[in-house]
């Protein structure tokens, strides 16, 4: 479950927030001045995000190395287009 809480309440409830995230898998968005400032998520979600980000950056580097004359902004757009296409294919009903 994702919950939103202000920074002052989060400070007061920090121990229980950590318990809820660690043991129940809850997620928190902590607001400062009414706007999202940080997220507290289970460590497995964070580790997964780091792996996915690392793979994406490696893919970008591979594409750029294979196309040294290409404009980096165009390469990035091609990668983002491919990512969106893949997401659409994954999310289509079977």
PDB file of N, CA and C in Angstrom:
ATOM      1  N   UNK A   1       0.837  -1.169   0.000  1.00  0.00           N
ATOM      2  CA  UNK A   1       0.000   0.000   0.000  1.00  0.00           C
ATOM      3  C   UNK A   1       0.893   1.247   0.000  1.00  0.00           C
ATOM      4  N   UNK A   2       0.525   2.243  -0.798  1.00  0.00           N
ATOM      5  CA  UNK A   2       1.271   3.499  -0.824  1.00  0.00           C
ATOM      6  C   UNK A   2       0.551   4.534   0.019  1.00  0.00           C
ATOM      7  N   UNK A   3       1.306   5.190   0.871  1.00  0.00           N
ATOM      8  CA  UNK A   3       0.744   6.197   1.764  1.00  0.00           C
ATOM      9  C   UNK A   3       1.507   7.500   1.586  1.00  0.00           C
ATOM     10  N   UNK A   4       0.831   8.608   1.849  1.00  0.00           N
ATOM     11  CA  UNK A   4       1.453   9.924   1.798  1.00  0.00           C
ATOM     12  C   UNK A   4       1.383  10.527   3.188  1.00  0.00           C
ATOM     13  N   UNK A   5       2.488  11.161   3.591  1.00  0.00           N
ATOM     14  CA  UNK A   5       2.561  11.731   4.936  1.00  0.00           C
ATOM     15  C   UNK A   5       3.456  12.972   4.886  1.00  0.00           C
ATOM     16  N   UNK A   6       3.168  13.928   5.741  1.00  0.00           N
ATOM     17  CA  UNK A   6       4.000  15.124   5.845  1.00  0.00           C
ATOM     18  C   UNK A   6       5.291  14.825   6.579  1.00  0.00           C
ATOM     19  N   UNK A   7       6.303  15.642   6.344  1.00  0.00           N
ATOM     20  CA  UNK A   7       7.618  15.397   6.919  1.00  0.00           C
ATOM     21  C   UNK A   7       7.599  15.444   8.446  1.00  0.00           C
ATOM     22  N   UNK A   8       6.816  16.317   9.035  1.00  0.00           N
ATOM     23  CA  UNK A   8       6.770  16.396  10.499  1.00  0.00           C
ATOM     24  C   UNK A   8       6.172  15.130  11.093  1.00  0.00           C
ATOM     25  N   UNK A   9       5.056  14.658  10.522  1.00  0.00           N
ATOM     26  CA  UNK A   9       4.460  13.400  11.000  1.00  0.00           C
ATOM     27  C   UNK A   9       5.404  12.236  10.749  1.00  0.00           C
ATOM     28  N   UNK A  10       6.082  12.249   9.612  1.00  0.00           N
ATOM     29  CA  UNK A  10       7.018  11.165   9.297  1.00  0.00           C
ATOM     30  C   UNK A  10       8.133  11.113  10.341  1.00  0.00           C
ATOM     31  N   UNK A  11       8.626  12.266  10.741  1.00  0.00           N
ATOM     32  CA  UNK A  11       9.670  12.307  11.762  1.00  0.00           C
ATOM     33  C   UNK A  11       9.160  11.702  13.065  1.00  0.00           C
ATOM     34  N   UNK A  12       7.942  12.065  13.429  1.00  0.00           N
ATOM     35  CA  UNK A  12       7.368  11.564  14.678  1.00  0.00           C
ATOM     36  C   UNK A  12       7.078  10.064  14.628  1.00  0.00           C
ATOM     37  N   UNK A  13       6.788   9.541  13.432  1.00  0.00           N
ATOM     38  CA  UNK A  13       6.406   8.131  13.275  1.00  0.00           C
ATOM     39  C   UNK A  13       7.475   7.299  12.584  1.00  0.00           C
ATOM     40  N   UNK A  14       8.696   7.784  12.538  1.00  0.00           N
ATOM     41  CA  UNK A  14       9.725   7.150  11.723  1.00  0.00           C
ATOM     42  C   UNK A  14       9.866   5.652  11.995  1.00  0.00           C
ATOM     43  N   UNK A  15       9.929   5.262  13.246  1.00  0.00           N
ATOM     44  CA  UNK A  15      10.097   3.842  13.577  1.00  0.00           C
ATOM     45  C   UNK A  15       8.950   3.003  13.010  1.00  0.00           C
ATOM     46  N   UNK A  16       7.722   3.457  13.160  1.00  0.00           N
ATOM     47  CA  UNK A  16       6.590   2.675  12.654  1.00  0.00           C
ATOM     48  C   UNK A  16       6.563   2.674  11.124  1.00  0.00           C
ATOM     49  N   UNK A  17       6.992   3.772  10.499  1.00  0.00           N
ATOM     50  CA  UNK A  17       7.078   3.801   9.031  1.00  0.00           C
ATOM     51  C   UNK A  17       8.074   2.767   8.543  1.00  0.00           C
ATOM     52  N   UNK A  18       9.232   2.709   9.183  1.00  0.00           N
ATOM     53  CA  UNK A  18      10.242   1.714   8.798  1.00  0.00           C
ATOM     54  C   UNK A  18       9.691   0.306   8.972  1.00  0.00           C
ATOM     55  N   UNK A  19       9.011   0.048  10.066  1.00  0.00           N
ATOM     56  CA  UNK A  19       8.420  -1.273  10.287  1.00  0.00           C
ATOM     57  C   UNK A  19       7.395  -1.612   9.205  1.00  0.00           C
ATOM     58  N   UNK A  20       6.525  -0.663   8.873  1.00  0.00           N
ATOM     59  CA  UNK A  20       5.500  -0.909   7.857  1.00  0.00           C
ATOM     60  C   UNK A  20       6.125  -1.184   6.490  1.00  0.00           C
ATOM     61  N   UNK A  21       7.168  -0.455   6.169  1.00  0.00           N
ATOM     62  CA  UNK A  21       7.840  -0.654   4.879  1.00  0.00           C
ATOM     63  C   UNK A  21       8.574  -1.983   4.874  1.00  0.00           C
ATOM     64  N   UNK A  22       9.314  -2.254   5.921  1.00  0.00           N
ATOM     65  CA  UNK A  22      10.123  -3.476   5.971  1.00  0.00           C
ATOM     66  C   UNK A  22       9.275  -4.740   6.073  1.00  0.00           C
ATOM     67  N   UNK A  23       8.283  -4.743   6.930  1.00  0.00           N
ATOM     68  CA  UNK A  23       7.562  -5.978   7.214  1.00  0.00           C
ATOM     69  C   UNK A  23       6.251  -6.158   6.442  1.00  0.00           C
ATOM     70  N   UNK A  24       5.645  -5.060   6.002  1.00  0.00           N
ATOM     71  CA  UNK A  24       4.382  -5.171   5.272  1.00  0.00           C
ATOM     72  C   UNK A  24       4.508  -4.793   3.798  1.00  0.00           C
ATOM     73  N   UNK A  25       5.657  -4.217   3.438  1.00  0.00           N
ATOM     74  CA  UNK A  25       5.843  -3.837   2.047  1.00  0.00           C
ATOM     75  C   UNK A  25       5.170  -2.530   1.660  1.00  0.00           C
ATOM     76  N   UNK A  26       4.724  -1.766   2.662  1.00  0.00           N
ATOM     77  CA  UNK A  26       4.106  -0.473   2.368  1.00  0.00           C
ATOM     78  C   UNK A  26       5.139   0.471   1.762  1.00  0.00           C
ATOM     79  N   UNK A  27       4.641   1.494   1.101  1.00  0.00           N
ATOM     80  CA  UNK A  27       5.484   2.518   0.506  1.00  0.00           C
ATOM     81  C   UNK A  27       4.982   3.861   1.001  1.00  0.00           C
ATOM     82  N   UNK A  28       5.903   4.770   1.259  1.00  0.00           N
ATOM     83  CA  UNK A  28       5.540   6.099   1.726  1.00  0.00           C
ATOM     84  C   UNK A  28       6.121   7.161   0.804  1.00  0.00           C
ATOM     85  N   UNK A  29       5.300   8.165   0.508  1.00  0.00           N
ATOM     86  CA  UNK A  29       5.769   9.392  -0.129  1.00  0.00           C
ATOM     87  C   UNK A  29       5.689  10.452   0.957  1.00  0.00           C
ATOM     88  N   UNK A  30       6.820  11.071   1.225  1.00  0.00           N
ATOM     89  CA  UNK A  30       6.874  12.075   2.285  1.00  0.00           C
ATOM     90  C   UNK A  30       6.882  13.462   1.642  1.00  0.00           C
ATOM     91  N   UNK A  31       5.905  14.254   2.042  1.00  0.00           N
ATOM     92  CA  UNK A  31       5.750  15.604   1.490  1.00  0.00           C
ATOM     93  C   UNK A  31       6.437  16.639   2.368  1.00  0.00           C
ATOM     94  N   UNK A  32       6.980  17.639   1.704  1.00  0.00           N
ATOM     95  CA  UNK A  32       7.508  18.819   2.385  1.00  0.00           C
ATOM     96  C   UNK A  32       6.838  20.026   1.743  1.00  0.00           C
ATOM     97  N   UNK A  33       6.223  20.848   2.544  1.00  0.00           N
ATOM     98  CA  UNK A  33       5.487  22.022   2.058  1.00  0.00           C
ATOM     99  C   UNK A  33       4.423  21.605   1.038  1.00  0.00           C
ATOM    100  N   UNK A  34       3.794  20.445   1.283  1.00  0.00           N
ATOM    101  CA  UNK A  34       2.701  19.985   0.441  1.00  0.00           C
ATOM    102  C   UNK A  34       3.108  19.333  -0.869  1.00  0.00           C
ATOM    103  N   UNK A  35       4.409  19.177  -1.087  1.00  0.00           N
ATOM    104  CA  UNK A  35       4.877  18.572  -2.340  1.00  0.00           C
ATOM    105  C   UNK A  35       5.739  17.358  -2.031  1.00  0.00           C
ATOM    106  N   UNK A  36       5.667  16.316  -2.892  1.00  0.00           N
ATOM    107  CA  UNK A  36       6.481  15.120  -2.663  1.00  0.00           C
ATOM    108  C   UNK A  36       7.975  15.471  -2.598  1.00  0.00           C
ATOM    109  N   UNK A  37       8.635  14.966  -1.562  1.00  0.00           N
ATOM    110  CA  UNK A  37      10.062  15.234  -1.382  1.00  0.00           C
ATOM    111  C   UNK A  37      10.896  13.956  -1.498  1.00  0.00           C
ATOM    112  N   UNK A  38      10.437  12.881  -0.866  1.00  0.00           N
ATOM    113  CA  UNK A  38      11.166  11.618  -0.891  1.00  0.00           C
ATOM    114  C   UNK A  38      10.179  10.463  -0.842  1.00  0.00           C
ATOM    115  N   UNK A  39      10.696   9.283  -1.183  1.00  0.00           N
ATOM    116  CA  UNK A  39       9.901   8.062  -1.075  1.00  0.00           C
ATOM    117  C   UNK A  39      10.660   7.063  -0.210  1.00  0.00           C
ATOM    118  N   UNK A  40       9.917   6.344   0.596  1.00  0.00           N
ATOM    119  CA  UNK A  40      10.478   5.268   1.404  1.00  0.00           C
ATOM    120  C   UNK A  40       9.845   3.986   0.885  1.00  0.00           C
ATOM    121  N   UNK A  41      10.688   3.093   0.367  1.00  0.00           N
ATOM    122  CA  UNK A  41      10.200   1.854  -0.238  1.00  0.00           C
ATOM    123  C   UNK A  41      10.992   0.679   0.312  1.00  0.00           C
ATOM    124  N   UNK A  42      10.450  -0.530   0.199  1.00  0.00           N
ATOM    125  CA  UNK A  42      11.207  -1.703   0.631  1.00  0.00           C
ATOM    126  C   UNK A  42      12.519  -1.801  -0.146  1.00  0.00           C
ATOM    127  N   UNK A  43      13.524  -2.323   0.524  1.00  0.00           N
ATOM    128  CA  UNK A  43      14.860  -2.368  -0.072  1.00  0.00           C
ATOM    129  C   UNK A  43      14.891  -3.212  -1.344  1.00  0.00           C
ATOM    130  N   UNK A  44      14.043  -4.248  -1.463  1.00  0.00           N
ATOM    131  CA  UNK A  44      14.048  -5.051  -2.687  1.00  0.00           C
ATOM    132  C   UNK A  44      13.578  -4.237  -3.889  1.00  0.00           C
ATOM    133  N   UNK A  45      12.628  -3.335  -3.680  1.00  0.00           N
ATOM    134  CA  UNK A  45      12.198  -2.456  -4.769  1.00  0.00           C
ATOM    135  C   UNK A  45      13.343  -1.519  -5.164  1.00  0.00           C
ATOM    136  N   UNK A  46      14.018  -0.972  -4.188  1.00  0.00           N
ATOM    137  CA  UNK A  46      15.150  -0.083  -4.449  1.00  0.00           C
ATOM    138  C   UNK A  46      16.266  -0.818  -5.200  1.00  0.00           C
ATOM    139  N   UNK A  47      16.607  -2.016  -4.752  1.00  0.00           N
ATOM    140  CA  UNK A  47      17.662  -2.792  -5.417  1.00  0.00           C
ATOM    141  C   UNK A  47      17.266  -3.133  -6.850  1.00  0.00           C
ATOM    142  N   UNK A  48      16.012  -3.492  -7.076  1.00  0.00           N
ATOM    143  CA  UNK A  48      15.520  -3.794  -8.408  1.00  0.00           C
ATOM    144  C   UNK A  48      15.619  -2.565  -9.304  1.00  0.00           C
ATOM    145  N   UNK A  49      15.243  -1.397  -8.775  1.00  0.00           N
ATOM    146  CA  UNK A  49      15.348  -0.153  -9.532  1.00  0.00           C
ATOM    147  C   UNK A  49      16.792   0.110  -9.946  1.00  0.00           C
ATOM    148  N   UNK A  50      17.728  -0.103  -9.020  1.00  0.00           N
ATOM    149  CA  UNK A  50      19.142   0.126  -9.351  1.00  0.00           C
ATOM    150  C   UNK A  50      19.610  -0.805 -10.471  1.00  0.00           C
ATOM    151  N   UNK A  51      19.193  -2.079 -10.418  1.00  0.00           N
ATOM    152  CA  UNK A  51      19.574  -3.028 -11.470  1.00  0.00           C
ATOM    153  C   UNK A  51      18.993  -2.622 -12.815  1.00  0.00           C
ATOM    154  N   UNK A  52      17.714  -2.257 -12.828  1.00  0.00           N
ATOM    155  CA  UNK A  52      17.074  -1.843 -14.085  1.00  0.00           C
ATOM    156  C   UNK A  52      17.744  -0.601 -14.654  1.00  0.00           C
ATOM    157  N   UNK A  53      18.055   0.341 -13.806  1.00  0.00           N
ATOM    158  CA  UNK A  53      18.711   1.570 -14.251  1.00  0.00           C
ATOM    159  C   UNK A  53      20.089   1.255 -14.821  1.00  0.00           C
ATOM    160  N   UNK A  54      20.814   0.385 -14.161  1.00  0.00           N
ATOM    161  CA  UNK A  54      22.138  -0.002 -14.634  1.00  0.00           C
ATOM    162  C   UNK A  54      22.060  -0.672 -16.007  1.00  0.00           C
ATOM    163  N   UNK A  55      21.070  -1.563 -16.183  1.00  0.00           N
ATOM    164  CA  UNK A  55      20.896  -2.222 -17.484  1.00  0.00           C
ATOM    165  C   UNK A  55      20.531  -1.228 -18.575  1.00  0.00           C
ATOM    166  N   UNK A  56      19.675  -0.269 -18.247  1.00  0.00           N
ATOM    167  CA  UNK A  56      19.292   0.739 -19.237  1.00  0.00           C
ATOM    168  C   UNK A  56      20.495   1.579 -19.642  1.00  0.00           C
ATOM    169  N   UNK A  57      21.301   2.003 -18.680  1.00  0.00           N
ATOM    170  CA  UNK A  57      22.481   2.799 -19.008  1.00  0.00           C
ATOM    171  C   UNK A  57      23.486   1.989 -19.828  1.00  0.00           C
ATOM    172  N   UNK A  58      23.633   0.710 -19.520  1.00  0.00           N
ATOM    173  CA  UNK A  58      24.529  -0.145 -20.313  1.00  0.00           C
ATOM    174  C   UNK A  58      24.020  -0.262 -21.741  1.00  0.00           C
ATOM    175  N   UNK A  59      22.716  -0.419 -21.902  1.00  0.00           N
ATOM    176  CA  UNK A  59      22.128  -0.495 -23.242  1.00  0.00           C
ATOM    177  C   UNK A  59      22.356   0.800 -24.007  1.00  0.00           C
ATOM    178  N   UNK A  60      22.166   1.917 -23.359  1.00  0.00           N
ATOM    179  CA  UNK A  60      22.400   3.212 -24.007  1.00  0.00           C
ATOM    180  C   UNK A  60      23.854   3.312 -24.454  1.00  0.00           C
ATOM    181  N   UNK A  61      24.777   2.919 -23.591  1.00  0.00           N
ATOM    182  CA  UNK A  61      26.203   2.963 -23.947  1.00  0.00           C
ATOM    183  C   UNK A  61      26.511   2.046 -25.124  1.00  0.00           C
ATOM    184  N   UNK A  62      25.901   0.855 -25.151  1.00  0.00           N
ATOM    185  CA  UNK A  62      26.104  -0.067 -26.274  1.00  0.00           C
ATOM    186  C   UNK A  62      25.615   0.543 -27.583  1.00  0.00           C
ATOM    187  N   UNK A  63      24.435   1.117 -27.558  1.00  0.00           N
ATOM    188  CA  UNK A  63      23.873   1.719 -28.764  1.00  0.00           C
ATOM    189  C   UNK A  63      24.743   2.879 -29.227  1.00  0.00           C
ATOM    190  N   UNK A  64      25.199   3.698 -28.298  1.00  0.00           N
ATOM    191  CA  UNK A  64      26.051   4.825 -28.664  1.00  0.00           C
ATOM    192  C   UNK A  64      27.385   4.343 -29.232  1.00  0.00           C
ATOM    193  N   UNK A  65      27.965   3.299 -28.645  1.00  0.00           N
ATOM    194  CA  UNK A  65      29.240   2.767 -29.141  1.00  0.00           C
ATOM    195  C   UNK A  65      29.088   2.159 -30.531  1.00  0.00           C
ATOM    196  N   UNK A  66      27.933   1.545 -30.794  1.00  0.00           N
ATOM    197  CA  UNK A  66      27.693   0.932 -32.100  1.00  0.00           C
ATOM    198  C   UNK A  66      27.399   1.976 -33.172  1.00  0.00           C
ATOM    199  N   UNK A  67      27.080   3.178 -32.736  1.00  0.00           N
ATOM    200  CA  UNK A  67      26.733   4.267 -33.660  1.00  0.00           C
ATOM    201  C   UNK A  67      27.489   5.538 -33.281  1.00  0.00           C
ATOM    202  N   UNK A  68      28.826   5.524 -33.425  1.00  0.00           N
ATOM    203  CA  UNK A  68      29.623   6.652 -32.928  1.00  0.00           C
ATOM    204  C   UNK A  68      29.314   7.991 -33.605  1.00  0.00           C
ATOM    205  N   UNK A  69      28.776   7.947 -34.815  1.00  0.00           N
ATOM    206  CA  UNK A  69      28.477   9.187 -35.534  1.00  0.00           C
ATOM    207  C   UNK A  69      27.083   9.738 -35.210  1.00  0.00           C
ATOM    208  N   UNK A  70      26.302   8.945 -34.492  1.00  0.00           N
ATOM    209  CA  UNK A  70      24.915   9.340 -34.213  1.00  0.00           C
ATOM    210  C   UNK A  70      24.867  10.460 -33.171  1.00  0.00           C
ATOM    211  N   UNK A  71      23.850  11.272 -33.291  1.00  0.00           N
ATOM    212  CA  UNK A  71      23.592  12.326 -32.322  1.00  0.00           C
ATOM    213  C   UNK A  71      23.114  11.671 -31.020  1.00  0.00           C
ATOM    214  N   UNK A  72      23.772  11.939 -29.879  1.00  0.00           N
ATOM    215  CA  UNK A  72      23.378  11.299 -28.611  1.00  0.00           C
ATOM    216  C   UNK A  72      21.911  11.522 -28.249  1.00  0.00           C
ATOM    217  N   UNK A  73      21.383  12.691 -28.570  1.00  0.00           N
ATOM    218  CA  UNK A  73      19.976  12.952 -28.263  1.00  0.00           C
ATOM    219  C   UNK A  73      19.057  12.071 -29.105  1.00  0.00           C
ATOM    220  N   UNK A  74      19.427  11.832 -30.355  1.00  0.00           N
ATOM    221  CA  UNK A  74      18.625  10.959 -31.213  1.00  0.00           C
ATOM    222  C   UNK A  74      18.704   9.510 -30.741  1.00  0.00           C
ATOM    223  N   UNK A  75      19.893   9.096 -30.316  1.00  0.00           N
ATOM    224  CA  UNK A  75      20.049   7.741 -29.785  1.00  0.00           C
ATOM    225  C   UNK A  75      19.171   7.560 -28.549  1.00  0.00           C
ATOM    226  N   UNK A  76      19.183   8.550 -27.660  1.00  0.00           N
ATOM    227  CA  UNK A  76      18.375   8.469 -26.450  1.00  0.00           C
ATOM    228  C   UNK A  76      16.892   8.388 -26.813  1.00  0.00           C
ATOM    229  N   UNK A  77      16.471   9.153 -27.774  1.00  0.00           N
ATOM    230  CA  UNK A  77      15.071   9.109 -28.187  1.00  0.00           C
ATOM    231  C   UNK A  77      14.716   7.741 -28.752  1.00  0.00           C
ATOM    232  N   UNK A  78      15.620   7.145 -29.540  1.00  0.00           N
ATOM    233  CA  UNK A  78      15.378   5.798 -30.076  1.00  0.00           C
ATOM    234  C   UNK A  78      15.228   4.780 -28.946  1.00  0.00           C
ATOM    235  N   UNK A  79      16.082   4.892 -27.934  1.00  0.00           N
ATOM    236  CA  UNK A  79      16.008   3.966 -26.794  1.00  0.00           C
ATOM    237  C   UNK A  79      14.682   4.150 -26.057  1.00  0.00           C
ATOM    238  N   UNK A  80      14.289   5.391 -25.839  1.00  0.00           N
ATOM    239  CA  UNK A  80      13.020   5.653 -25.137  1.00  0.00           C
ATOM    240  C   UNK A  80      11.832   5.157 -25.950  1.00  0.00           C
ATOM    241  N   UNK A  81      11.885   5.338 -27.270  1.00  0.00           N
ATOM    242  CA  UNK A  81      10.810   4.831 -28.130  1.00  0.00           C
ATOM    243  C   UNK A  81      10.717   3.310 -28.036  1.00  0.00           C
ATOM    244  N   UNK A  82      11.875   2.646 -28.053  1.00  0.00           N
ATOM    245  CA  UNK A  82      11.899   1.183 -27.951  1.00  0.00           C
ATOM    246  C   UNK A  82      11.353   0.734 -26.595  1.00  0.00           C
ATOM    247  N   UNK A  83      11.693   1.468 -25.560  1.00  0.00           N
ATOM    248  CA  UNK A  83      11.196   1.139 -24.221  1.00  0.00           C
ATOM    249  C   UNK A  83       9.674   1.243 -24.170  1.00  0.00           C
ATOM    250  N   UNK A  84       9.116   2.302 -24.716  1.00  0.00           N
ATOM    251  CA  UNK A  84       7.671   2.482 -24.716  1.00  0.00           C
ATOM    252  C   UNK A  84       6.971   1.396 -25.533  1.00  0.00           C
ATOM    253  N   UNK A  85       7.546   1.037 -26.666  1.00  0.00           N
ATOM    254  CA  UNK A  85       6.974  -0.024 -27.497  1.00  0.00           C
ATOM    255  C   UNK A  85       6.953  -1.338 -26.732  1.00  0.00           C
ATOM    256  N   UNK A  86       8.046  -1.630 -26.048  1.00  0.00           N
ATOM    257  CA  UNK A  86       8.142  -2.865 -25.267  1.00  0.00           C
ATOM    258  C   UNK A  86       7.105  -2.871 -24.151  1.00  0.00           C
ATOM    259  N   UNK A  87       6.946  -1.764 -23.470  1.00  0.00           N
ATOM    260  CA  UNK A  87       5.950  -1.687 -22.389  1.00  0.00           C
ATOM    261  C   UNK A  87       4.544  -1.904 -22.923  1.00  0.00           C
ATOM    262  N   UNK A  88       4.240  -1.323 -24.070  1.00  0.00           N
ATOM    263  CA  UNK A  88       2.914  -1.504 -24.665  1.00  0.00           C
ATOM    264  C   UNK A  88       2.673  -2.973 -25.014  1.00  0.00           C
ATOM    265  N   UNK A  89       3.694  -3.636 -25.557  1.00  0.00           N
ATOM    266  CA  UNK A  89       3.561  -5.047 -25.923  1.00  0.00           C
ATOM    267  C   UNK A  89       3.357  -5.914 -24.692  1.00  0.00           C
ATOM    268  N   UNK A  90       4.062  -5.604 -23.622  1.00  0.00           N
ATOM    269  CA  UNK A  90       3.944  -6.380 -22.381  1.00  0.00           C
ATOM    270  C   UNK A  90       2.565  -6.199 -21.776  1.00  0.00           C
ATOM    271  N   UNK A  91       2.034  -4.997 -21.865  1.00  0.00           N
ATOM    272  CA  UNK A  91       0.757  -4.679 -21.209  1.00  0.00           C
ATOM    273  C   UNK A  91      -0.472  -5.024 -22.058  1.00  0.00           C
ATOM    274  N   UNK A  92      -0.281  -5.480 -23.302  1.00  0.00           N
ATOM    275  CA  UNK A  92      -1.426  -5.861 -24.132  1.00  0.00           C
ATOM    276  C   UNK A  92      -2.010  -7.168 -23.637  1.00  0.00           C
ATOM    277  N   UNK A  93      -3.332  -7.249 -23.585  1.00  0.00           N
ATOM    278  CA  UNK A  93      -3.942  -8.517 -23.173  1.00  0.00           C
ATOM    279  C   UNK A  93      -3.598  -9.620 -24.158  1.00  0.00           C
ATOM    280  N   UNK A  94      -3.329 -10.809 -23.620  1.00  0.00           N
ATOM    281  CA  UNK A  94      -2.881 -11.945 -24.392  1.00  0.00           C
ATOM    282  C   UNK A  94      -3.863 -12.440 -25.355  1.00  0.00           C
TER     283      UNK A  94
END
